[in-house]
Amino acid sequence: DGRRFFEDFVMGRFTISKDNAKNA
């Protein structure tokens, strides 16, 4: 479902994403 969680130190600097077609 794409729900995400970031640790506090990330502070908006990082993003996490997925690619279903590439299994990555």
PDBML (XML) file of the C-alpha atoms, coordinates in Angstrom:
<?xml version="1.0" encoding="UTF-8" ?>
<PDBx:datablock datablockName="MODEL"
   xmlns:PDBx="http://pdbml.pdb.org/schema/pdbx-v50.xsd"
   xmlns:xsi="http://www.w3.org/2001/XMLSchema-instance"
   xsi:schemaLocation="http://pdbml.pdb.org/schema/pdbx-v50.xsd pdbx-v50.xsd">
   <PDBx:atom_siteCategory>
      <PDBx:atom_site id="1">
         <PDBx:B_iso_or_equiv>0.00</PDBx:B_iso_or_equiv>
         <PDBx:Cartn_x>0.000</PDBx:Cartn_x>
         <PDBx:Cartn_y>0.000</PDBx:Cartn_y>
         <PDBx:Cartn_z>0.000</PDBx:Cartn_z>
         <PDBx:auth_asym_id>A</PDBx:auth_asym_id>
         <PDBx:auth_atom_id>CA</PDBx:auth_atom_id>
         <PDBx:auth_comp_id>ASP</PDBx:auth_comp_id>
         <PDBx:auth_seq_id>1</PDBx:auth_seq_id>
         <PDBx:group_PDB>ATOM</PDBx:group_PDB>
         <PDBx:label_alt_id xsi:nil="true" />
         <PDBx:label_asym_id>A</PDBx:label_asym_id>
         <PDBx:label_atom_id>CA</PDBx:label_atom_id>
         <PDBx:label_comp_id>ASP</PDBx:label_comp_id>
         <PDBx:label_entity_id>1</PDBx:label_entity_id>
         <PDBx:label_seq_id>1</PDBx:label_seq_id>
         <PDBx:occupancy>1.00</PDBx:occupancy>
         <PDBx:pdbx_PDB_model_num>1</PDBx:pdbx_PDB_model_num>
         <PDBx:type_symbol>C</PDBx:type_symbol>
      </PDBx:atom_site>
      <PDBx:atom_site id="2">
         <PDBx:B_iso_or_equiv>0.00</PDBx:B_iso_or_equiv>
         <PDBx:Cartn_x>3.020</PDBx:Cartn_x>
         <PDBx:Cartn_y>2.298</PDBx:Cartn_y>
         <PDBx:Cartn_z>-0.046</PDBx:Cartn_z>
         <PDBx:auth_asym_id>A</PDBx:auth_asym_id>
         <PDBx:auth_atom_id>CA</PDBx:auth_atom_id>
         <PDBx:auth_comp_id>GLY</PDBx:auth_comp_id>
         <PDBx:auth_seq_id>2</PDBx:auth_seq_id>
         <PDBx:group_PDB>ATOM</PDBx:group_PDB>
         <PDBx:label_alt_id xsi:nil="true" />
         <PDBx:label_asym_id>A</PDBx:label_asym_id>
         <PDBx:label_atom_id>CA</PDBx:label_atom_id>
         <PDBx:label_comp_id>GLY</PDBx:label_comp_id>
         <PDBx:label_entity_id>1</PDBx:label_entity_id>
         <PDBx:label_seq_id>2</PDBx:label_seq_id>
         <PDBx:occupancy>1.00</PDBx:occupancy>
         <PDBx:pdbx_PDB_model_num>1</PDBx:pdbx_PDB_model_num>
         <PDBx:type_symbol>C</PDBx:type_symbol>
      </PDBx:atom_site>
      <PDBx:atom_site id="3">
         <PDBx:B_iso_or_equiv>0.00</PDBx:B_iso_or_equiv>
         <PDBx:Cartn_x>2.769</PDBx:Cartn_x>
         <PDBx:Cartn_y>3.439</PDBx:Cartn_y>
         <PDBx:Cartn_z>3.568</PDBx:Cartn_z>
         <PDBx:auth_asym_id>A</PDBx:auth_asym_id>
         <PDBx:auth_atom_id>CA</PDBx:auth_atom_id>
         <PDBx:auth_comp_id>ARG</PDBx:auth_comp_id>
         <PDBx:auth_seq_id>3</PDBx:auth_seq_id>
         <PDBx:group_PDB>ATOM</PDBx:group_PDB>
         <PDBx:label_alt_id xsi:nil="true" />
         <PDBx:label_asym_id>A</PDBx:label_asym_id>
         <PDBx:label_atom_id>CA</PDBx:label_atom_id>
         <PDBx:label_comp_id>ARG</PDBx:label_comp_id>
         <PDBx:label_entity_id>1</PDBx:label_entity_id>
         <PDBx:label_seq_id>3</PDBx:label_seq_id>
         <PDBx:occupancy>1.00</PDBx:occupancy>
         <PDBx:pdbx_PDB_model_num>1</PDBx:pdbx_PDB_model_num>
         <PDBx:type_symbol>C</PDBx:type_symbol>
      </PDBx:atom_site>
      <PDBx:atom_site id="4">
         <PDBx:B_iso_or_equiv>0.00</PDBx:B_iso_or_equiv>
         <PDBx:Cartn_x>6.075</PDBx:Cartn_x>
         <PDBx:Cartn_y>4.978</PDBx:Cartn_y>
         <PDBx:Cartn_z>4.577</PDBx:Cartn_z>
         <PDBx:auth_asym_id>A</PDBx:auth_asym_id>
         <PDBx:auth_atom_id>CA</PDBx:auth_atom_id>
         <PDBx:auth_comp_id>ARG</PDBx:auth_comp_id>
         <PDBx:auth_seq_id>4</PDBx:auth_seq_id>
         <PDBx:group_PDB>ATOM</PDBx:group_PDB>
         <PDBx:label_alt_id xsi:nil="true" />
         <PDBx:label_asym_id>A</PDBx:label_asym_id>
         <PDBx:label_atom_id>CA</PDBx:label_atom_id>
         <PDBx:label_comp_id>ARG</PDBx:label_comp_id>
         <PDBx:label_entity_id>1</PDBx:label_entity_id>
         <PDBx:label_seq_id>4</PDBx:label_seq_id>
         <PDBx:occupancy>1.00</PDBx:occupancy>
         <PDBx:pdbx_PDB_model_num>1</PDBx:pdbx_PDB_model_num>
         <PDBx:type_symbol>C</PDBx:type_symbol>
      </PDBx:atom_site>
      <PDBx:atom_site id="5">
         <PDBx:B_iso_or_equiv>0.00</PDBx:B_iso_or_equiv>
         <PDBx:Cartn_x>7.931</PDBx:Cartn_x>
         <PDBx:Cartn_y>5.763</PDBx:Cartn_y>
         <PDBx:Cartn_z>7.777</PDBx:Cartn_z>
         <PDBx:auth_asym_id>A</PDBx:auth_asym_id>
         <PDBx:auth_atom_id>CA</PDBx:auth_atom_id>
         <PDBx:auth_comp_id>PHE</PDBx:auth_comp_id>
         <PDBx:auth_seq_id>5</PDBx:auth_seq_id>
         <PDBx:group_PDB>ATOM</PDBx:group_PDB>
         <PDBx:label_alt_id xsi:nil="true" />
         <PDBx:label_asym_id>A</PDBx:label_asym_id>
         <PDBx:label_atom_id>CA</PDBx:label_atom_id>
         <PDBx:label_comp_id>PHE</PDBx:label_comp_id>
         <PDBx:label_entity_id>1</PDBx:label_entity_id>
         <PDBx:label_seq_id>5</PDBx:label_seq_id>
         <PDBx:occupancy>1.00</PDBx:occupancy>
         <PDBx:pdbx_PDB_model_num>1</PDBx:pdbx_PDB_model_num>
         <PDBx:type_symbol>C</PDBx:type_symbol>
      </PDBx:atom_site>
      <PDBx:atom_site id="6">
         <PDBx:B_iso_or_equiv>0.00</PDBx:B_iso_or_equiv>
         <PDBx:Cartn_x>11.003</PDBx:Cartn_x>
         <PDBx:Cartn_y>7.933</PDBx:Cartn_y>
         <PDBx:Cartn_z>8.200</PDBx:Cartn_z>
         <PDBx:auth_asym_id>A</PDBx:auth_asym_id>
         <PDBx:auth_atom_id>CA</PDBx:auth_atom_id>
         <PDBx:auth_comp_id>PHE</PDBx:auth_comp_id>
         <PDBx:auth_seq_id>6</PDBx:auth_seq_id>
         <PDBx:group_PDB>ATOM</PDBx:group_PDB>
         <PDBx:label_alt_id xsi:nil="true" />
         <PDBx:label_asym_id>A</PDBx:label_asym_id>
         <PDBx:label_atom_id>CA</PDBx:label_atom_id>
         <PDBx:label_comp_id>PHE</PDBx:label_comp_id>
         <PDBx:label_entity_id>1</PDBx:label_entity_id>
         <PDBx:label_seq_id>6</PDBx:label_seq_id>
         <PDBx:occupancy>1.00</PDBx:occupancy>
         <PDBx:pdbx_PDB_model_num>1</PDBx:pdbx_PDB_model_num>
         <PDBx:type_symbol>C</PDBx:type_symbol>
      </PDBx:atom_site>
      <PDBx:atom_site id="7">
         <PDBx:B_iso_or_equiv>0.00</PDBx:B_iso_or_equiv>
         <PDBx:Cartn_x>13.211</PDBx:Cartn_x>
         <PDBx:Cartn_y>8.317</PDBx:Cartn_y>
         <PDBx:Cartn_z>11.218</PDBx:Cartn_z>
         <PDBx:auth_asym_id>A</PDBx:auth_asym_id>
         <PDBx:auth_atom_id>CA</PDBx:auth_atom_id>
         <PDBx:auth_comp_id>GLU</PDBx:auth_comp_id>
         <PDBx:auth_seq_id>7</PDBx:auth_seq_id>
         <PDBx:group_PDB>ATOM</PDBx:group_PDB>
         <PDBx:label_alt_id xsi:nil="true" />
         <PDBx:label_asym_id>A</PDBx:label_asym_id>
         <PDBx:label_atom_id>CA</PDBx:label_atom_id>
         <PDBx:label_comp_id>GLU</PDBx:label_comp_id>
         <PDBx:label_entity_id>1</PDBx:label_entity_id>
         <PDBx:label_seq_id>7</PDBx:label_seq_id>
         <PDBx:occupancy>1.00</PDBx:occupancy>
         <PDBx:pdbx_PDB_model_num>1</PDBx:pdbx_PDB_model_num>
         <PDBx:type_symbol>C</PDBx:type_symbol>
      </PDBx:atom_site>
      <PDBx:atom_site id="8">
         <PDBx:B_iso_or_equiv>0.00</PDBx:B_iso_or_equiv>
         <PDBx:Cartn_x>13.354</PDBx:Cartn_x>
         <PDBx:Cartn_y>11.806</PDBx:Cartn_y>
         <PDBx:Cartn_z>12.655</PDBx:Cartn_z>
         <PDBx:auth_asym_id>A</PDBx:auth_asym_id>
         <PDBx:auth_atom_id>CA</PDBx:auth_atom_id>
         <PDBx:auth_comp_id>ASP</PDBx:auth_comp_id>
         <PDBx:auth_seq_id>8</PDBx:auth_seq_id>
         <PDBx:group_PDB>ATOM</PDBx:group_PDB>
         <PDBx:label_alt_id xsi:nil="true" />
         <PDBx:label_asym_id>A</PDBx:label_asym_id>
         <PDBx:label_atom_id>CA</PDBx:label_atom_id>
         <PDBx:label_comp_id>ASP</PDBx:label_comp_id>
         <PDBx:label_entity_id>1</PDBx:label_entity_id>
         <PDBx:label_seq_id>8</PDBx:label_seq_id>
         <PDBx:occupancy>1.00</PDBx:occupancy>
         <PDBx:pdbx_PDB_model_num>1</PDBx:pdbx_PDB_model_num>
         <PDBx:type_symbol>C</PDBx:type_symbol>
      </PDBx:atom_site>
      <PDBx:atom_site id="9">
         <PDBx:B_iso_or_equiv>0.00</PDBx:B_iso_or_equiv>
         <PDBx:Cartn_x>16.908</PDBx:Cartn_x>
         <PDBx:Cartn_y>12.524</PDBx:Cartn_y>
         <PDBx:Cartn_z>11.539</PDBx:Cartn_z>
         <PDBx:auth_asym_id>A</PDBx:auth_asym_id>
         <PDBx:auth_atom_id>CA</PDBx:auth_atom_id>
         <PDBx:auth_comp_id>PHE</PDBx:auth_comp_id>
         <PDBx:auth_seq_id>9</PDBx:auth_seq_id>
         <PDBx:group_PDB>ATOM</PDBx:group_PDB>
         <PDBx:label_alt_id xsi:nil="true" />
         <PDBx:label_asym_id>A</PDBx:label_asym_id>
         <PDBx:label_atom_id>CA</PDBx:label_atom_id>
         <PDBx:label_comp_id>PHE</PDBx:label_comp_id>
         <PDBx:label_entity_id>1</PDBx:label_entity_id>
         <PDBx:label_seq_id>9</PDBx:label_seq_id>
         <PDBx:occupancy>1.00</PDBx:occupancy>
         <PDBx:pdbx_PDB_model_num>1</PDBx:pdbx_PDB_model_num>
         <PDBx:type_symbol>C</PDBx:type_symbol>
      </PDBx:atom_site>
      <PDBx:atom_site id="10">
         <PDBx:B_iso_or_equiv>0.00</PDBx:B_iso_or_equiv>
         <PDBx:Cartn_x>15.826</PDBx:Cartn_x>
         <PDBx:Cartn_y>12.264</PDBx:Cartn_y>
         <PDBx:Cartn_z>7.893</PDBx:Cartn_z>
         <PDBx:auth_asym_id>A</PDBx:auth_asym_id>
         <PDBx:auth_atom_id>CA</PDBx:auth_atom_id>
         <PDBx:auth_comp_id>VAL</PDBx:auth_comp_id>
         <PDBx:auth_seq_id>10</PDBx:auth_seq_id>
         <PDBx:group_PDB>ATOM</PDBx:group_PDB>
         <PDBx:label_alt_id xsi:nil="true" />
         <PDBx:label_asym_id>A</PDBx:label_asym_id>
         <PDBx:label_atom_id>CA</PDBx:label_atom_id>
         <PDBx:label_comp_id>VAL</PDBx:label_comp_id>
         <PDBx:label_entity_id>1</PDBx:label_entity_id>
         <PDBx:label_seq_id>10</PDBx:label_seq_id>
         <PDBx:occupancy>1.00</PDBx:occupancy>
         <PDBx:pdbx_PDB_model_num>1</PDBx:pdbx_PDB_model_num>
         <PDBx:type_symbol>C</PDBx:type_symbol>
      </PDBx:atom_site>
      <PDBx:atom_site id="11">
         <PDBx:B_iso_or_equiv>0.00</PDBx:B_iso_or_equiv>
         <PDBx:Cartn_x>14.041</PDBx:Cartn_x>
         <PDBx:Cartn_y>15.620</PDBx:Cartn_y>
         <PDBx:Cartn_z>8.292</PDBx:Cartn_z>
         <PDBx:auth_asym_id>A</PDBx:auth_asym_id>
         <PDBx:auth_atom_id>CA</PDBx:auth_atom_id>
         <PDBx:auth_comp_id>MET</PDBx:auth_comp_id>
         <PDBx:auth_seq_id>11</PDBx:auth_seq_id>
         <PDBx:group_PDB>ATOM</PDBx:group_PDB>
         <PDBx:label_alt_id xsi:nil="true" />
         <PDBx:label_asym_id>A</PDBx:label_asym_id>
         <PDBx:label_atom_id>CA</PDBx:label_atom_id>
         <PDBx:label_comp_id>MET</PDBx:label_comp_id>
         <PDBx:label_entity_id>1</PDBx:label_entity_id>
         <PDBx:label_seq_id>11</PDBx:label_seq_id>
         <PDBx:occupancy>1.00</PDBx:occupancy>
         <PDBx:pdbx_PDB_model_num>1</PDBx:pdbx_PDB_model_num>
         <PDBx:type_symbol>C</PDBx:type_symbol>
      </PDBx:atom_site>
      <PDBx:atom_site id="12">
         <PDBx:B_iso_or_equiv>0.00</PDBx:B_iso_or_equiv>
         <PDBx:Cartn_x>12.492</PDBx:Cartn_x>
         <PDBx:Cartn_y>15.576</PDBx:Cartn_y>
         <PDBx:Cartn_z>4.836</PDBx:Cartn_z>
         <PDBx:auth_asym_id>A</PDBx:auth_asym_id>
         <PDBx:auth_atom_id>CA</PDBx:auth_atom_id>
         <PDBx:auth_comp_id>GLY</PDBx:auth_comp_id>
         <PDBx:auth_seq_id>12</PDBx:auth_seq_id>
         <PDBx:group_PDB>ATOM</PDBx:group_PDB>
         <PDBx:label_alt_id xsi:nil="true" />
         <PDBx:label_asym_id>A</PDBx:label_asym_id>
         <PDBx:label_atom_id>CA</PDBx:label_atom_id>
         <PDBx:label_comp_id>GLY</PDBx:label_comp_id>
         <PDBx:label_entity_id>1</PDBx:label_entity_id>
         <PDBx:label_seq_id>12</PDBx:label_seq_id>
         <PDBx:occupancy>1.00</PDBx:occupancy>
         <PDBx:pdbx_PDB_model_num>1</PDBx:pdbx_PDB_model_num>
         <PDBx:type_symbol>C</PDBx:type_symbol>
      </PDBx:atom_site>
      <PDBx:atom_site id="13">
         <PDBx:B_iso_or_equiv>0.00</PDBx:B_iso_or_equiv>
         <PDBx:Cartn_x>15.806</PDBx:Cartn_x>
         <PDBx:Cartn_y>14.990</PDBx:Cartn_y>
         <PDBx:Cartn_z>3.066</PDBx:Cartn_z>
         <PDBx:auth_asym_id>A</PDBx:auth_asym_id>
         <PDBx:auth_atom_id>CA</PDBx:auth_atom_id>
         <PDBx:auth_comp_id>ARG</PDBx:auth_comp_id>
         <PDBx:auth_seq_id>13</PDBx:auth_seq_id>
         <PDBx:group_PDB>ATOM</PDBx:group_PDB>
         <PDBx:label_alt_id xsi:nil="true" />
         <PDBx:label_asym_id>A</PDBx:label_asym_id>
         <PDBx:label_atom_id>CA</PDBx:label_atom_id>
         <PDBx:label_comp_id>ARG</PDBx:label_comp_id>
         <PDBx:label_entity_id>1</PDBx:label_entity_id>
         <PDBx:label_seq_id>13</PDBx:label_seq_id>
         <PDBx:occupancy>1.00</PDBx:occupancy>
         <PDBx:pdbx_PDB_model_num>1</PDBx:pdbx_PDB_model_num>
         <PDBx:type_symbol>C</PDBx:type_symbol>
      </PDBx:atom_site>
      <PDBx:atom_site id="14">
         <PDBx:B_iso_or_equiv>0.00</PDBx:B_iso_or_equiv>
         <PDBx:Cartn_x>15.211</PDBx:Cartn_x>
         <PDBx:Cartn_y>11.386</PDBx:Cartn_y>
         <PDBx:Cartn_z>1.955</PDBx:Cartn_z>
         <PDBx:auth_asym_id>A</PDBx:auth_asym_id>
         <PDBx:auth_atom_id>CA</PDBx:auth_atom_id>
         <PDBx:auth_comp_id>PHE</PDBx:auth_comp_id>
         <PDBx:auth_seq_id>14</PDBx:auth_seq_id>
         <PDBx:group_PDB>ATOM</PDBx:group_PDB>
         <PDBx:label_alt_id xsi:nil="true" />
         <PDBx:label_asym_id>A</PDBx:label_asym_id>
         <PDBx:label_atom_id>CA</PDBx:label_atom_id>
         <PDBx:label_comp_id>PHE</PDBx:label_comp_id>
         <PDBx:label_entity_id>1</PDBx:label_entity_id>
         <PDBx:label_seq_id>14</PDBx:label_seq_id>
         <PDBx:occupancy>1.00</PDBx:occupancy>
         <PDBx:pdbx_PDB_model_num>1</PDBx:pdbx_PDB_model_num>
         <PDBx:type_symbol>C</PDBx:type_symbol>
      </PDBx:atom_site>
      <PDBx:atom_site id="15">
         <PDBx:B_iso_or_equiv>0.00</PDBx:B_iso_or_equiv>
         <PDBx:Cartn_x>12.432</PDBx:Cartn_x>
         <PDBx:Cartn_y>9.664</PDBx:Cartn_y>
         <PDBx:Cartn_z>0.042</PDBx:Cartn_z>
         <PDBx:auth_asym_id>A</PDBx:auth_asym_id>
         <PDBx:auth_atom_id>CA</PDBx:auth_atom_id>
         <PDBx:auth_comp_id>THR</PDBx:auth_comp_id>
         <PDBx:auth_seq_id>15</PDBx:auth_seq_id>
         <PDBx:group_PDB>ATOM</PDBx:group_PDB>
         <PDBx:label_alt_id xsi:nil="true" />
         <PDBx:label_asym_id>A</PDBx:label_asym_id>
         <PDBx:label_atom_id>CA</PDBx:label_atom_id>
         <PDBx:label_comp_id>THR</PDBx:label_comp_id>
         <PDBx:label_entity_id>1</PDBx:label_entity_id>
         <PDBx:label_seq_id>15</PDBx:label_seq_id>
         <PDBx:occupancy>1.00</PDBx:occupancy>
         <PDBx:pdbx_PDB_model_num>1</PDBx:pdbx_PDB_model_num>
         <PDBx:type_symbol>C</PDBx:type_symbol>
      </PDBx:atom_site>
      <PDBx:atom_site id="16">
         <PDBx:B_iso_or_equiv>0.00</PDBx:B_iso_or_equiv>
         <PDBx:Cartn_x>11.703</PDBx:Cartn_x>
         <PDBx:Cartn_y>5.959</PDBx:Cartn_y>
         <PDBx:Cartn_z>-0.244</PDBx:Cartn_z>
         <PDBx:auth_asym_id>A</PDBx:auth_asym_id>
         <PDBx:auth_atom_id>CA</PDBx:auth_atom_id>
         <PDBx:auth_comp_id>ILE</PDBx:auth_comp_id>
         <PDBx:auth_seq_id>16</PDBx:auth_seq_id>
         <PDBx:group_PDB>ATOM</PDBx:group_PDB>
         <PDBx:label_alt_id xsi:nil="true" />
         <PDBx:label_asym_id>A</PDBx:label_asym_id>
         <PDBx:label_atom_id>CA</PDBx:label_atom_id>
         <PDBx:label_comp_id>ILE</PDBx:label_comp_id>
         <PDBx:label_entity_id>1</PDBx:label_entity_id>
         <PDBx:label_seq_id>16</PDBx:label_seq_id>
         <PDBx:occupancy>1.00</PDBx:occupancy>
         <PDBx:pdbx_PDB_model_num>1</PDBx:pdbx_PDB_model_num>
         <PDBx:type_symbol>C</PDBx:type_symbol>
      </PDBx:atom_site>
      <PDBx:atom_site id="17">
         <PDBx:B_iso_or_equiv>0.00</PDBx:B_iso_or_equiv>
         <PDBx:Cartn_x>9.939</PDBx:Cartn_x>
         <PDBx:Cartn_y>4.559</PDBx:Cartn_y>
         <PDBx:Cartn_z>-3.277</PDBx:Cartn_z>
         <PDBx:auth_asym_id>A</PDBx:auth_asym_id>
         <PDBx:auth_atom_id>CA</PDBx:auth_atom_id>
         <PDBx:auth_comp_id>SER</PDBx:auth_comp_id>
         <PDBx:auth_seq_id>17</PDBx:auth_seq_id>
         <PDBx:group_PDB>ATOM</PDBx:group_PDB>
         <PDBx:label_alt_id xsi:nil="true" />
         <PDBx:label_asym_id>A</PDBx:label_asym_id>
         <PDBx:label_atom_id>CA</PDBx:label_atom_id>
         <PDBx:label_comp_id>SER</PDBx:label_comp_id>
         <PDBx:label_entity_id>1</PDBx:label_entity_id>
         <PDBx:label_seq_id>17</PDBx:label_seq_id>
         <PDBx:occupancy>1.00</PDBx:occupancy>
         <PDBx:pdbx_PDB_model_num>1</PDBx:pdbx_PDB_model_num>
         <PDBx:type_symbol>C</PDBx:type_symbol>
      </PDBx:atom_site>
      <PDBx:atom_site id="18">
         <PDBx:B_iso_or_equiv>0.00</PDBx:B_iso_or_equiv>
         <PDBx:Cartn_x>9.198</PDBx:Cartn_x>
         <PDBx:Cartn_y>1.254</PDBx:Cartn_y>
         <PDBx:Cartn_z>-4.977</PDBx:Cartn_z>
         <PDBx:auth_asym_id>A</PDBx:auth_asym_id>
         <PDBx:auth_atom_id>CA</PDBx:auth_atom_id>
         <PDBx:auth_comp_id>LYS</PDBx:auth_comp_id>
         <PDBx:auth_seq_id>18</PDBx:auth_seq_id>
         <PDBx:group_PDB>ATOM</PDBx:group_PDB>
         <PDBx:label_alt_id xsi:nil="true" />
         <PDBx:label_asym_id>A</PDBx:label_asym_id>
         <PDBx:label_atom_id>CA</PDBx:label_atom_id>
         <PDBx:label_comp_id>LYS</PDBx:label_comp_id>
         <PDBx:label_entity_id>1</PDBx:label_entity_id>
         <PDBx:label_seq_id>18</PDBx:label_seq_id>
         <PDBx:occupancy>1.00</PDBx:occupancy>
         <PDBx:pdbx_PDB_model_num>1</PDBx:pdbx_PDB_model_num>
         <PDBx:type_symbol>C</PDBx:type_symbol>
      </PDBx:atom_site>
      <PDBx:atom_site id="19">
         <PDBx:B_iso_or_equiv>0.00</PDBx:B_iso_or_equiv>
         <PDBx:Cartn_x>8.963</PDBx:Cartn_x>
         <PDBx:Cartn_y>-0.121</PDBx:Cartn_y>
         <PDBx:Cartn_z>-8.478</PDBx:Cartn_z>
         <PDBx:auth_asym_id>A</PDBx:auth_asym_id>
         <PDBx:auth_atom_id>CA</PDBx:auth_atom_id>
         <PDBx:auth_comp_id>ASP</PDBx:auth_comp_id>
         <PDBx:auth_seq_id>19</PDBx:auth_seq_id>
         <PDBx:group_PDB>ATOM</PDBx:group_PDB>
         <PDBx:label_alt_id xsi:nil="true" />
         <PDBx:label_asym_id>A</PDBx:label_asym_id>
         <PDBx:label_atom_id>CA</PDBx:label_atom_id>
         <PDBx:label_comp_id>ASP</PDBx:label_comp_id>
         <PDBx:label_entity_id>1</PDBx:label_entity_id>
         <PDBx:label_seq_id>19</PDBx:label_seq_id>
         <PDBx:occupancy>1.00</PDBx:occupancy>
         <PDBx:pdbx_PDB_model_num>1</PDBx:pdbx_PDB_model_num>
         <PDBx:type_symbol>C</PDBx:type_symbol>
      </PDBx:atom_site>
      <PDBx:atom_site id="20">
         <PDBx:B_iso_or_equiv>0.00</PDBx:B_iso_or_equiv>
         <PDBx:Cartn_x>6.656</PDBx:Cartn_x>
         <PDBx:Cartn_y>-3.109</PDBx:Cartn_y>
         <PDBx:Cartn_z>-8.726</PDBx:Cartn_z>
         <PDBx:auth_asym_id>A</PDBx:auth_asym_id>
         <PDBx:auth_atom_id>CA</PDBx:auth_atom_id>
         <PDBx:auth_comp_id>ASN</PDBx:auth_comp_id>
         <PDBx:auth_seq_id>20</PDBx:auth_seq_id>
         <PDBx:group_PDB>ATOM</PDBx:group_PDB>
         <PDBx:label_alt_id xsi:nil="true" />
         <PDBx:label_asym_id>A</PDBx:label_asym_id>
         <PDBx:label_atom_id>CA</PDBx:label_atom_id>
         <PDBx:label_comp_id>ASN</PDBx:label_comp_id>
         <PDBx:label_entity_id>1</PDBx:label_entity_id>
         <PDBx:label_seq_id>20</PDBx:label_seq_id>
         <PDBx:occupancy>1.00</PDBx:occupancy>
         <PDBx:pdbx_PDB_model_num>1</PDBx:pdbx_PDB_model_num>
         <PDBx:type_symbol>C</PDBx:type_symbol>
      </PDBx:atom_site>
      <PDBx:atom_site id="21">
         <PDBx:B_iso_or_equiv>0.00</PDBx:B_iso_or_equiv>
         <PDBx:Cartn_x>7.784</PDBx:Cartn_x>
         <PDBx:Cartn_y>-3.971</PDBx:Cartn_y>
         <PDBx:Cartn_z>-12.234</PDBx:Cartn_z>
         <PDBx:auth_asym_id>A</PDBx:auth_asym_id>
         <PDBx:auth_atom_id>CA</PDBx:auth_atom_id>
         <PDBx:auth_comp_id>ALA</PDBx:auth_comp_id>
         <PDBx:auth_seq_id>21</PDBx:auth_seq_id>
         <PDBx:group_PDB>ATOM</PDBx:group_PDB>
         <PDBx:label_alt_id xsi:nil="true" />
         <PDBx:label_asym_id>A</PDBx:label_asym_id>
         <PDBx:label_atom_id>CA</PDBx:label_atom_id>
         <PDBx:label_comp_id>ALA</PDBx:label_comp_id>
         <PDBx:label_entity_id>1</PDBx:label_entity_id>
         <PDBx:label_seq_id>21</PDBx:label_seq_id>
         <PDBx:occupancy>1.00</PDBx:occupancy>
         <PDBx:pdbx_PDB_model_num>1</PDBx:pdbx_PDB_model_num>
         <PDBx:type_symbol>C</PDBx:type_symbol>
      </PDBx:atom_site>
      <PDBx:atom_site id="22">
         <PDBx:B_iso_or_equiv>0.00</PDBx:B_iso_or_equiv>
         <PDBx:Cartn_x>11.428</PDBx:Cartn_x>
         <PDBx:Cartn_y>-4.106</PDBx:Cartn_y>
         <PDBx:Cartn_z>-11.174</PDBx:Cartn_z>
         <PDBx:auth_asym_id>A</PDBx:auth_asym_id>
         <PDBx:auth_atom_id>CA</PDBx:auth_atom_id>
         <PDBx:auth_comp_id>LYS</PDBx:auth_comp_id>
         <PDBx:auth_seq_id>22</PDBx:auth_seq_id>
         <PDBx:group_PDB>ATOM</PDBx:group_PDB>
         <PDBx:label_alt_id xsi:nil="true" />
         <PDBx:label_asym_id>A</PDBx:label_asym_id>
         <PDBx:label_atom_id>CA</PDBx:label_atom_id>
         <PDBx:label_comp_id>LYS</PDBx:label_comp_id>
         <PDBx:label_entity_id>1</PDBx:label_entity_id>
         <PDBx:label_seq_id>22</PDBx:label_seq_id>
         <PDBx:occupancy>1.00</PDBx:occupancy>
         <PDBx:pdbx_PDB_model_num>1</PDBx:pdbx_PDB_model_num>
         <PDBx:type_symbol>C</PDBx:type_symbol>
      </PDBx:atom_site>
      <PDBx:atom_site id="23">
         <PDBx:B_iso_or_equiv>0.00</PDBx:B_iso_or_equiv>
         <PDBx:Cartn_x>10.784</PDBx:Cartn_x>
         <PDBx:Cartn_y>-5.710</PDBx:Cartn_y>
         <PDBx:Cartn_z>-7.775</PDBx:Cartn_z>
         <PDBx:auth_asym_id>A</PDBx:auth_asym_id>
         <PDBx:auth_atom_id>CA</PDBx:auth_atom_id>
         <PDBx:auth_comp_id>ASN</PDBx:auth_comp_id>
         <PDBx:auth_seq_id>23</PDBx:auth_seq_id>
         <PDBx:group_PDB>ATOM</PDBx:group_PDB>
         <PDBx:label_alt_id xsi:nil="true" />
         <PDBx:label_asym_id>A</PDBx:label_asym_id>
         <PDBx:label_atom_id>CA</PDBx:label_atom_id>
         <PDBx:label_comp_id>ASN</PDBx:label_comp_id>
         <PDBx:label_entity_id>1</PDBx:label_entity_id>
         <PDBx:label_seq_id>23</PDBx:label_seq_id>
         <PDBx:occupancy>1.00</PDBx:occupancy>
         <PDBx:pdbx_PDB_model_num>1</PDBx:pdbx_PDB_model_num>
         <PDBx:type_symbol>C</PDBx:type_symbol>
      </PDBx:atom_site>
      <PDBx:atom_site id="24">
         <PDBx:B_iso_or_equiv>0.00</PDBx:B_iso_or_equiv>
         <PDBx:Cartn_x>12.902</PDBx:Cartn_x>
         <PDBx:Cartn_y>-2.996</PDBx:Cartn_y>
         <PDBx:Cartn_z>-6.225</PDBx:Cartn_z>
         <PDBx:auth_asym_id>A</PDBx:auth_asym_id>
         <PDBx:auth_atom_id>CA</PDBx:auth_atom_id>
         <PDBx:auth_comp_id>ALA</PDBx:auth_comp_id>
         <PDBx:auth_seq_id>24</PDBx:auth_seq_id>
         <PDBx:group_PDB>ATOM</PDBx:group_PDB>
         <PDBx:label_alt_id xsi:nil="true" />
         <PDBx:label_asym_id>A</PDBx:label_asym_id>
         <PDBx:label_atom_id>CA</PDBx:label_atom_id>
         <PDBx:label_comp_id>ALA</PDBx:label_comp_id>
         <PDBx:label_entity_id>1</PDBx:label_entity_id>
         <PDBx:label_seq_id>24</PDBx:label_seq_id>
         <PDBx:occupancy>1.00</PDBx:occupancy>
         <PDBx:pdbx_PDB_model_num>1</PDBx:pdbx_PDB_model_num>
         <PDBx:type_symbol>C</PDBx:type_symbol>
      </PDBx:atom_site>
   </PDBx:atom_siteCategory>
</PDBx:datablock>
